[in-house]
């Protein structure tokens, strides 16, 4: 039973942060979780509020941006970052 859905917003944003050099290990340390938990975020597209707040703060982005919402450049990752 497979659905044709667009990529999960959180997964897309985590992937974008990862491509900019923000490793899964760093995300784990910042959020106070295991690297396996971070891999779970990428796999399931789900993250706790606490982890989302910690990662967004460390990355300098807003939680809505991290969760895949459409936000202005001021809240998201700027092209040169």
Protein backbone atom coordinates (compact mmCIF):
# COMPACT_ATOMS: atom_id res chain seq x y z
CA UNK A 1 0.00 0.00 0.00
CA UNK A 2 2.18 2.81 -1.23
CA UNK A 3 1.03 6.37 -1.64
CA UNK A 4 2.55 8.95 -3.91
CA UNK A 5 3.18 11.70 -1.37
CA UNK A 6 5.66 14.53 -1.57
CA UNK A 7 8.71 14.14 0.64
CA UNK A 8 7.98 14.91 4.27
CA UNK A 9 8.78 18.55 5.07
CA UNK A 10 10.82 17.70 8.16
CA UNK A 11 12.88 15.13 6.28
CA UNK A 12 13.54 17.60 3.46
CA UNK A 13 14.67 20.28 5.91
CA UNK A 14 16.83 17.90 7.95
CA UNK A 15 18.41 16.73 4.68
CA UNK A 16 19.04 20.36 3.73
CA UNK A 17 20.73 21.05 7.08
CA UNK A 18 22.76 17.87 6.70
CA UNK A 19 23.90 18.93 3.21
CA UNK A 20 25.06 22.23 4.70
CA UNK A 21 27.34 20.34 7.09
CA UNK A 22 25.10 19.83 10.14
CA UNK A 23 25.76 16.14 10.86
CA UNK A 24 23.41 13.62 12.44
CA UNK A 25 25.92 13.27 15.27
CA UNK A 26 25.79 17.03 15.93
CA UNK A 27 21.98 16.98 15.80
CA UNK A 28 21.95 14.14 18.33
CA UNK A 29 24.28 15.96 20.75
CA UNK A 30 22.31 19.18 20.49
CA UNK A 31 18.95 17.46 21.03
CA UNK A 32 20.28 15.17 23.77
CA UNK A 33 19.25 12.02 21.92
CA UNK A 34 21.04 9.09 20.27
CA UNK A 35 22.26 9.11 16.68
CA UNK A 36 19.75 6.30 16.10
CA UNK A 37 16.95 8.64 17.21
CA UNK A 38 18.12 11.21 14.66
CA UNK A 39 18.13 8.52 11.97
CA UNK A 40 14.55 7.84 13.02
CA UNK A 41 13.63 11.47 12.32
CA UNK A 42 14.94 11.05 8.77
CA UNK A 43 13.14 7.72 8.36
CA UNK A 44 9.75 8.57 9.91
CA UNK A 45 9.52 12.32 9.49
CA UNK A 46 8.64 12.70 13.17
CA UNK A 47 10.48 14.66 15.85
CA UNK A 48 9.66 15.65 19.45
CA UNK A 49 8.92 19.27 20.29
CA UNK A 50 11.98 19.44 22.51
CA UNK A 51 14.28 18.09 19.80
CA UNK A 52 12.77 20.37 17.15
CA UNK A 53 13.33 23.41 19.38
CA UNK A 54 16.93 22.42 20.14
CA UNK A 55 17.88 21.68 16.51
CA UNK A 56 16.16 24.79 15.14
CA UNK A 57 17.85 27.00 17.73
CA UNK A 58 21.29 25.52 17.04
CA UNK A 59 20.81 25.80 13.27
CA UNK A 60 19.54 29.37 13.50
CA UNK A 61 16.21 28.57 11.85
CA UNK A 62 12.63 28.68 13.05
CA UNK A 63 10.73 25.58 14.15
CA UNK A 64 8.07 26.14 11.44
CA UNK A 65 10.85 26.17 8.81
CA UNK A 66 12.36 22.99 10.26
CA UNK A 67 8.97 21.29 10.13
CA UNK A 68 8.68 22.09 6.43
CA UNK A 69 6.35 25.07 6.49
CA UNK A 70 6.73 27.80 3.90
CA UNK A 71 8.38 30.72 5.65
CA UNK A 72 10.32 33.78 4.57
CA UNK A 73 14.10 33.77 4.21
CA UNK A 74 14.45 35.51 7.57
CA UNK A 75 13.21 32.35 9.36
CA UNK A 76 14.81 29.79 7.09
CA UNK A 77 18.23 28.79 5.90
CA UNK A 78 19.68 31.54 3.76
CA UNK A 79 21.18 30.56 0.38
CA UNK A 80 24.72 31.45 1.44
CA UNK A 81 24.63 29.46 4.70
